[in-house]
């Protein structure tokens, strides 16, 4: 006696939750896109955000190092040291980097496409 073949129902595709993707984007812009299946956009957003955020943190640490170095050396009030420190805080580099980070963050929150 032959046994009939076992028929297995195909697995249903898993539905991705937009709320979870949104939450992931909140913690790291682009991560929710990766979860949601939009890999190219997610990777681009992650790279832009990490580059610009790293740029702003590096700039901040550089300026703080310069300030602390001058402060502890005792030469803070000599010559134009204060003006040099002030100009390094206001050169615009960190502002641009933070702006790019913020725009990337906002873009990642509003660009999740509906599931097809």
Foldseek 3Di string as FASTA:
>chain_A
DDDDDDDDDDDDDDQDDPVVLLVLLLVAQLPSCVSNPVNVLSVVLRVLLVVLVVQLVVLVVVLVVLVVVCVVVVCCPPDCNVVVSVCSVVVCSNVVSVVSNVVSSVCSNPPDDDDD
